[in-house]
């Protein structure tokens, strides 16, 4: 395998308004997985975690090699679509995951976050501060953020969140295409920190990580 790893986080809005889009999202995740595995140069270098959010975030799949990707749950009624708790959760999650990778002496690219939503935040006053913490440039694990808007998504909010790229499904862009294009661009144009090297015994697939109880089974 390659000596470098790119951690990817797919944060999906699963509030009730997303009911019409959930099949599209799951199809996009399958296409993303298929494209990664079709390219031998990246198949072992991409790890992915899936997080659903509405009123609060929930882990659908922890950070794992892309042997499979868990299906998103059916949207359910929630008290809101809160962006702030998601960003706070992701900061802690990314920090822990990257440190775990580094303990195995893997060279870790700056993480990528794919943020998918069709609506407006129900916490408009508080989410910007949580997002500022997540994207603080002084934090060494600050992720590149790609946004993907579905339906009548609030483009203004998505533009504020998308620090790397912003896509809109209404422009005819497919989710799977957006995911793989962003990943391939990063892997082909950037380098992980030079001081983090793969040990002779280290291997991304040898990490003691597995799907935890309660996480969804992947779609192969």
C-alpha atoms as a PDB file:
ATOM      1  CA  UNK A   1       0.000   0.000   0.000  1.00  0.00           C
ATOM      2  CA  UNK A   2       1.007   3.625  -0.212  1.00  0.00           C
ATOM      3  CA  UNK A   3       2.724   5.272   2.727  1.00  0.00           C
ATOM      4  CA  UNK A   4       0.150   8.038   3.021  1.00  0.00           C
ATOM      5  CA  UNK A   5      -3.501   8.125   4.088  1.00  0.00           C
ATOM      6  CA  UNK A   6      -6.296  10.612   3.381  1.00  0.00           C
ATOM      7  CA  UNK A   7      -9.032  10.665   6.063  1.00  0.00           C
ATOM      8  CA  UNK A   8     -12.422  11.631   4.584  1.00  0.00           C
ATOM      9  CA  UNK A   9     -15.555  12.516   6.538  1.00  0.00           C
ATOM     10  CA  UNK A  10     -18.960  12.555   4.840  1.00  0.00           C
ATOM     11  CA  UNK A  11     -21.440  14.536   6.948  1.00  0.00           C
ATOM     12  CA  UNK A  12     -24.991  14.009   5.673  1.00  0.00           C
ATOM     13  CA  UNK A  13     -28.091  15.919   6.668  1.00  0.00           C
ATOM     14  CA  UNK A  14     -30.636  13.237   7.631  1.00  0.00           C
ATOM     15  CA  UNK A  15     -33.419  15.529   8.797  1.00  0.00           C
ATOM     16  CA  UNK A  16     -36.941  14.857   7.502  1.00  0.00           C
ATOM     17  CA  UNK A  17     -36.566  17.249   4.559  1.00  0.00           C
ATOM     18  CA  UNK A  18     -33.917  14.903   3.127  1.00  0.00           C
ATOM     19  CA  UNK A  19     -36.409  12.063   2.557  1.00  0.00           C
ATOM     20  CA  UNK A  20     -36.490  12.708  -1.188  1.00  0.00           C
ATOM     21  CA  UNK A  21     -32.682  12.655  -1.422  1.00  0.00           C
ATOM     22  CA  UNK A  22     -31.568   9.719   0.721  1.00  0.00           C
ATOM     23  CA  UNK A  23     -31.470   7.262  -2.204  1.00  0.00           C
ATOM     24  CA  UNK A  24     -29.356   9.737  -4.169  1.00  0.00           C
ATOM     25  CA  UNK A  25     -26.930  10.036  -1.260  1.00  0.00           C
ATOM     26  CA  UNK A  26     -26.568   6.283  -0.820  1.00  0.00           C
ATOM     27  CA  UNK A  27     -26.059   5.858  -4.563  1.00  0.00           C
ATOM     28  CA  UNK A  28     -23.380   8.540  -4.450  1.00  0.00           C
ATOM     29  CA  UNK A  29     -21.585   6.791  -1.603  1.00  0.00           C
ATOM     30  CA  UNK A  30     -21.610   3.511  -3.543  1.00  0.00           C
ATOM     31  CA  UNK A  31     -20.239   5.253  -6.631  1.00  0.00           C
ATOM     32  CA  UNK A  32     -17.541   6.880  -4.499  1.00  0.00           C
ATOM     33  CA  UNK A  33     -16.484   3.543  -3.033  1.00  0.00           C
ATOM     34  CA  UNK A  34     -16.499   1.898  -6.459  1.00  0.00           C
ATOM     35  CA  UNK A  35     -14.353   4.631  -8.011  1.00  0.00           C
ATOM     36  CA  UNK A  36     -11.811   4.457  -5.186  1.00  0.00           C
ATOM     37  CA  UNK A  37     -11.487   0.683  -5.486  1.00  0.00           C
ATOM     38  CA  UNK A  38     -11.200   0.892  -9.263  1.00  0.00           C
ATOM     39  CA  UNK A  39      -7.987   2.898  -8.953  1.00  0.00           C
ATOM     40  CA  UNK A  40      -5.166   0.840  -7.473  1.00  0.00           C
ATOM     41  CA  UNK A  41      -3.147   3.989  -6.779  1.00  0.00           C
ATOM     42  CA  UNK A  42      -5.670   5.222  -4.193  1.00  0.00           C
ATOM     43  CA  UNK A  43      -7.598   2.155  -3.031  1.00  0.00           C
ATOM     44  CA  UNK A  44      -5.507   1.650   0.117  1.00  0.00           C
ATOM     45  CA  UNK A  45      -4.946   5.335   0.820  1.00  0.00           C
ATOM     46  CA  UNK A  46      -8.493   6.570   1.466  1.00  0.00           C
ATOM     47  CA  UNK A  47     -10.239   6.065   4.806  1.00  0.00           C
ATOM     48  CA  UNK A  48     -13.831   7.238   5.202  1.00  0.00           C
ATOM     49  CA  UNK A  49     -16.232   8.000   8.041  1.00  0.00           C
ATOM     50  CA  UNK A  50     -19.933   8.750   7.587  1.00  0.00           C
ATOM     51  CA  UNK A  51     -21.809  10.991  10.036  1.00  0.00           C
ATOM     52  CA  UNK A  52     -25.519  11.796   9.934  1.00  0.00           C
ATOM     53  CA  UNK A  53     -26.889  14.948  11.508  1.00  0.00           C
ATOM     54  CA  UNK A  54     -30.171  16.672  12.253  1.00  0.00           C
ATOM     55  CA  UNK A  55     -30.762  17.979  15.736  1.00  0.00           C
ATOM     56  CA  UNK A  56     -27.487  16.295  16.738  1.00  0.00           C
ATOM     57  CA  UNK A  57     -24.768  14.246  14.987  1.00  0.00           C
ATOM     58  CA  UNK A  58     -24.554  10.459  14.970  1.00  0.00           C
ATOM     59  CA  UNK A  59     -21.813   8.185  13.669  1.00  0.00           C
ATOM     60  CA  UNK A  60     -23.066   5.978  10.837  1.00  0.00           C
ATOM     61  CA  UNK A  61     -19.594   4.576  10.163  1.00  0.00           C
ATOM     62  CA  UNK A  62     -16.352   5.217  11.991  1.00  0.00           C
ATOM     63  CA  UNK A  63     -13.172   5.949  10.036  1.00  0.00           C
ATOM     64  CA  UNK A  64     -12.337   2.783   8.072  1.00  0.00           C
ATOM     65  CA  UNK A  65     -10.673   1.708   4.830  1.00  0.00           C
ATOM     66  CA  UNK A  66     -13.186   1.843   2.001  1.00  0.00           C
ATOM     67  CA  UNK A  67     -13.905  -1.876   1.759  1.00  0.00           C
ATOM     68  CA  UNK A  68     -17.522  -0.814   2.119  1.00  0.00           C
ATOM     69  CA  UNK A  69     -19.549   2.209   3.186  1.00  0.00           C
ATOM     70  CA  UNK A  70     -22.521   2.104   5.511  1.00  0.00           C
ATOM     71  CA  UNK A  71     -25.969   3.018   4.231  1.00  0.00           C
ATOM     72  CA  UNK A  72     -27.474   6.223   5.595  1.00  0.00           C
ATOM     73  CA  UNK A  73     -30.513   5.785   7.837  1.00  0.00           C
ATOM     74  CA  UNK A  74     -33.937   6.896   6.705  1.00  0.00           C
ATOM     75  CA  UNK A  75     -34.566  10.532   7.687  1.00  0.00           C
ATOM     76  CA  UNK A  76     -36.683  11.010  10.777  1.00  0.00           C
ATOM     77  CA  UNK A  77     -38.527  13.943  12.361  1.00  0.00           C
ATOM     78  CA  UNK A  78     -36.100  16.077  14.334  1.00  0.00           C
ATOM     79  CA  UNK A  79     -36.263  19.302  16.292  1.00  0.00           C
ATOM     80  CA  UNK A  80     -33.961  21.005  13.827  1.00  0.00           C
ATOM     81  CA  UNK A  81     -31.035  20.872  11.448  1.00  0.00           C
ATOM     82  CA  UNK A  82     -28.212  22.120  13.619  1.00  0.00           C
ATOM     83  CA  UNK A  83     -24.843  22.729  12.009  1.00  0.00           C
ATOM     84  CA  UNK A  84     -23.002  23.840  15.161  1.00  0.00           C
ATOM     85  CA  UNK A  85     -23.115  20.558  17.133  1.00  0.00           C
ATOM     86  CA  UNK A  86     -21.932  18.721  14.019  1.00  0.00           C
ATOM     87  CA  UNK A  87     -18.892  20.963  13.602  1.00  0.00           C
ATOM     88  CA  UNK A  88     -18.011  20.670  17.297  1.00  0.00           C
ATOM     89  CA  UNK A  89     -18.375  16.889  17.114  1.00  0.00           C
ATOM     90  CA  UNK A  90     -16.241  16.653  13.969  1.00  0.00           C
ATOM     91  CA  UNK A  91     -13.412  18.686  15.475  1.00  0.00           C
ATOM     92  CA  UNK A  92     -13.097  16.191  18.344  1.00  0.00           C
ATOM     93  CA  UNK A  93     -13.582  13.180  16.073  1.00  0.00           C
ATOM     94  CA  UNK A  94     -10.994  14.259  13.520  1.00  0.00           C
ATOM     95  CA  UNK A  95      -8.488  15.085  16.223  1.00  0.00           C
ATOM     96  CA  UNK A  96      -8.796  11.627  17.768  1.00  0.00           C
ATOM     97  CA  UNK A  97      -8.747   9.786  14.435  1.00  0.00           C
ATOM     98  CA  UNK A  98      -5.692  11.556  13.039  1.00  0.00           C
ATOM     99  CA  UNK A  99      -3.754  11.080  16.247  1.00  0.00           C
ATOM    100  CA  UNK A 100      -4.571   7.356  16.074  1.00  0.00           C
ATOM    101  CA  UNK A 101      -3.253   7.192  12.512  1.00  0.00           C
ATOM    102  CA  UNK A 102      -0.110   9.029  13.516  1.00  0.00           C
ATOM    103  CA  UNK A 103       0.505   6.680  16.415  1.00  0.00           C
ATOM    104  CA  UNK A 104       0.878   4.017  13.726  1.00  0.00           C
ATOM    105  CA  UNK A 105       3.437   6.285  12.061  1.00  0.00           C
ATOM    106  CA  UNK A 106       1.342   6.855   8.966  1.00  0.00           C
ATOM    107  CA  UNK A 107       1.816   9.958   6.855  1.00  0.00           C
ATOM    108  CA  UNK A 108      -1.575  11.655   7.069  1.00  0.00           C
ATOM    109  CA  UNK A 109      -2.885  14.154   4.535  1.00  0.00           C
ATOM    110  CA  UNK A 110      -4.913  17.088   5.756  1.00  0.00           C
ATOM    111  CA  UNK A 111      -8.418  15.600   6.255  1.00  0.00           C
ATOM    112  CA  UNK A 112     -11.320  16.257   3.911  1.00  0.00           C
ATOM    113  CA  UNK A 113     -14.871  16.947   5.037  1.00  0.00           C
ATOM    114  CA  UNK A 114     -17.802  16.548   2.649  1.00  0.00           C
ATOM    115  CA  UNK A 115     -20.832  18.424   3.974  1.00  0.00           C
ATOM    116  CA  UNK A 116     -24.168  17.462   2.373  1.00  0.00           C
ATOM    117  CA  UNK A 117     -27.466  19.270   3.022  1.00  0.00           C
ATOM    118  CA  UNK A 118     -30.640  20.509   1.363  1.00  0.00           C
ATOM    119  CA  UNK A 119     -31.636  23.168   3.850  1.00  0.00           C
ATOM    120  CA  UNK A 120     -30.805  26.043   6.112  1.00  0.00           C
ATOM    121  CA  UNK A 121     -29.344  25.723   9.614  1.00  0.00           C
ATOM    122  CA  UNK A 122     -31.750  26.053  12.515  1.00  0.00           C
ATOM    123  CA  UNK A 123     -28.920  27.454  14.672  1.00  0.00           C
ATOM    124  CA  UNK A 124     -27.910  30.467  12.516  1.00  0.00           C
ATOM    125  CA  UNK A 125     -26.475  32.439  15.429  1.00  0.00           C
ATOM    126  CA  UNK A 126     -24.241  29.770  16.954  1.00  0.00           C
ATOM    127  CA  UNK A 127     -22.961  27.582  14.116  1.00  0.00           C
ATOM    128  CA  UNK A 128     -20.392  30.068  12.718  1.00  0.00           C
ATOM    129  CA  UNK A 129     -18.287  29.979  15.897  1.00  0.00           C
ATOM    130  CA  UNK A 130     -18.250  26.164  15.911  1.00  0.00           C
ATOM    131  CA  UNK A 131     -17.273  26.181  12.244  1.00  0.00           C
ATOM    132  CA  UNK A 132     -14.495  28.700  12.918  1.00  0.00           C
ATOM    133  CA  UNK A 133     -13.043  26.328  15.495  1.00  0.00           C
ATOM    134  CA  UNK A 134     -13.223  23.391  13.068  1.00  0.00           C
ATOM    135  CA  UNK A 135     -11.469  25.360  10.325  1.00  0.00           C
ATOM    136  CA  UNK A 136      -9.000  27.218  12.546  1.00  0.00           C
ATOM    137  CA  UNK A 137      -5.852  27.397  10.374  1.00  0.00           C
ATOM    138  CA  UNK A 138      -3.634  27.082  13.461  1.00  0.00           C
ATOM    139  CA  UNK A 139      -5.079  23.617  14.163  1.00  0.00           C
ATOM    140  CA  UNK A 140      -2.820  21.126  12.350  1.00  0.00           C
ATOM    141  CA  UNK A 141      -5.749  18.830  11.430  1.00  0.00           C
ATOM    142  CA  UNK A 142      -7.969  21.577   9.993  1.00  0.00           C
ATOM    143  CA  UNK A 143      -9.959  19.882   7.189  1.00  0.00           C
ATOM    144  CA  UNK A 144     -10.557  20.983   3.645  1.00  0.00           C
ATOM    145  CA  UNK A 145     -14.343  21.364   3.390  1.00  0.00           C
ATOM    146  CA  UNK A 146     -16.344  20.458   0.285  1.00  0.00           C
ATOM    147  CA  UNK A 147     -20.056  21.266   0.327  1.00  0.00           C
ATOM    148  CA  UNK A 148     -22.738  19.562  -1.763  1.00  0.00           C
ATOM    149  CA  UNK A 149     -26.183  21.122  -1.899  1.00  0.00           C
ATOM    150  CA  UNK A 150     -29.287  19.098  -2.716  1.00  0.00           C
ATOM    151  CA  UNK A 151     -32.688  20.429  -3.738  1.00  0.00           C
ATOM    152  CA  UNK A 152     -33.194  24.042  -2.679  1.00  0.00           C
ATOM    153  CA  UNK A 153     -30.123  24.172  -0.471  1.00  0.00           C
ATOM    154  CA  UNK A 154     -29.074  27.545   0.923  1.00  0.00           C
ATOM    155  CA  UNK A 155     -26.192  28.372  -1.411  1.00  0.00           C
ATOM    156  CA  UNK A 156     -25.080  31.328   0.712  1.00  0.00           C
ATOM    157  CA  UNK A 157     -24.579  29.081   3.743  1.00  0.00           C
ATOM    158  CA  UNK A 158     -22.877  26.407   1.644  1.00  0.00           C
ATOM    159  CA  UNK A 159     -20.490  28.969   0.175  1.00  0.00           C
ATOM    160  CA  UNK A 160     -19.529  30.055   3.703  1.00  0.00           C
ATOM    161  CA  UNK A 161     -18.843  26.448   4.701  1.00  0.00           C
ATOM    162  CA  UNK A 162     -17.122  25.215   1.535  1.00  0.00           C
ATOM    163  CA  UNK A 163     -13.505  26.236   2.046  1.00  0.00           C
ATOM    164  CA  UNK A 164     -12.296  24.010  -0.811  1.00  0.00           C
ATOM    165  CA  UNK A 165     -15.176  23.474  -3.252  1.00  0.00           C
ATOM    166  CA  UNK A 166     -18.961  23.829  -3.461  1.00  0.00           C
ATOM    167  CA  UNK A 167     -21.236  21.711  -5.656  1.00  0.00           C
ATOM    168  CA  UNK A 168     -24.991  21.889  -6.284  1.00  0.00           C
ATOM    169  CA  UNK A 169     -27.026  18.926  -7.496  1.00  0.00           C
ATOM    170  CA  UNK A 170     -29.354  21.290  -9.339  1.00  0.00           C
ATOM    171  CA  UNK A 171     -26.402  22.095 -11.609  1.00  0.00           C
ATOM    172  CA  UNK A 172     -26.402  18.472 -12.721  1.00  0.00           C
ATOM    173  CA  UNK A 173     -23.430  17.372 -10.596  1.00  0.00           C
ATOM    174  CA  UNK A 174     -23.598  13.815  -9.227  1.00  0.00           C
ATOM    175  CA  UNK A 175     -22.528  13.254  -5.638  1.00  0.00           C
ATOM    176  CA  UNK A 176     -20.213  10.344  -6.458  1.00  0.00           C
ATOM    177  CA  UNK A 177     -18.481  12.439  -9.117  1.00  0.00           C
ATOM    178  CA  UNK A 178     -17.970  15.337  -6.711  1.00  0.00           C
ATOM    179  CA  UNK A 179     -16.543  13.062  -4.009  1.00  0.00           C
ATOM    180  CA  UNK A 180     -14.023  11.255  -6.178  1.00  0.00           C
ATOM    181  CA  UNK A 181     -12.974  14.400  -8.071  1.00  0.00           C
ATOM    182  CA  UNK A 182     -12.153  16.159  -4.808  1.00  0.00           C
ATOM    183  CA  UNK A 183     -10.234  13.184  -3.405  1.00  0.00           C
ATOM    184  CA  UNK A 184      -8.249  12.626  -6.584  1.00  0.00           C
ATOM    185  CA  UNK A 185      -7.328  16.300  -6.775  1.00  0.00           C
ATOM    186  CA  UNK A 186      -5.932  16.268  -3.244  1.00  0.00           C
ATOM    187  CA  UNK A 187      -4.023  13.006  -3.637  1.00  0.00           C
ATOM    188  CA  UNK A 188      -2.496  14.136  -6.930  1.00  0.00           C
ATOM    189  CA  UNK A 189      -1.522  17.661  -5.900  1.00  0.00           C
ATOM    190  CA  UNK A 190      -0.674  17.637  -2.186  1.00  0.00           C
ATOM    191  CA  UNK A 191       1.799  15.925   0.080  1.00  0.00           C
ATOM    192  CA  UNK A 192       1.295  14.807   3.684  1.00  0.00           C
ATOM    193  CA  UNK A 193       3.652  16.222   6.337  1.00  0.00           C
ATOM    194  CA  UNK A 194       7.152  14.926   5.639  1.00  0.00           C
ATOM    195  CA  UNK A 195       7.916  14.205   9.292  1.00  0.00           C
ATOM    196  CA  UNK A 196       5.238  11.500   9.535  1.00  0.00           C
ATOM    197  CA  UNK A 197       6.526   8.279   8.005  1.00  0.00           C
ATOM    198  CA  UNK A 198       5.188   4.779   7.676  1.00  0.00           C
ATOM    199  CA  UNK A 199       6.940   2.342   9.964  1.00  0.00           C
ATOM    200  CA  UNK A 200       8.223  -0.910   8.515  1.00  0.00           C
ATOM    201  CA  UNK A 201       5.580  -2.743  10.520  1.00  0.00           C
ATOM    202  CA  UNK A 202       2.859  -0.164   9.952  1.00  0.00           C
ATOM    203  CA  UNK A 203      -0.017  -0.646   7.575  1.00  0.00           C
ATOM    204  CA  UNK A 204      -3.285   1.233   7.278  1.00  0.00           C
ATOM    205  CA  UNK A 205      -5.138  -2.052   6.834  1.00  0.00           C
ATOM    206  CA  UNK A 206      -3.419  -3.416   9.913  1.00  0.00           C
ATOM    207  CA  UNK A 207      -4.937  -0.825  12.206  1.00  0.00           C
ATOM    208  CA  UNK A 208      -7.024  -2.306  15.020  1.00  0.00           C
ATOM    209  CA  UNK A 209     -10.192  -0.521  13.876  1.00  0.00           C
ATOM    210  CA  UNK A 210     -13.468  -2.168  13.011  1.00  0.00           C
ATOM    211  CA  UNK A 211     -17.103  -1.275  12.576  1.00  0.00           C
ATOM    212  CA  UNK A 212     -18.626  -0.830  16.016  1.00  0.00           C
ATOM    213  CA  UNK A 213     -21.876  -2.381  17.173  1.00  0.00           C
ATOM    214  CA  UNK A 214     -24.827  -0.409  15.893  1.00  0.00           C
ATOM    215  CA  UNK A 215     -23.114   0.927  12.774  1.00  0.00           C
ATOM    216  CA  UNK A 216     -24.760   0.152   9.463  1.00  0.00           C
ATOM    217  CA  UNK A 217     -23.585  -2.555   7.111  1.00  0.00           C
ATOM    218  CA  UNK A 218     -22.011  -1.290   3.933  1.00  0.00           C
ATOM    219  CA  UNK A 219     -23.408  -1.546   0.444  1.00  0.00           C
ATOM    220  CA  UNK A 220     -21.006  -3.538  -1.688  1.00  0.00           C
END
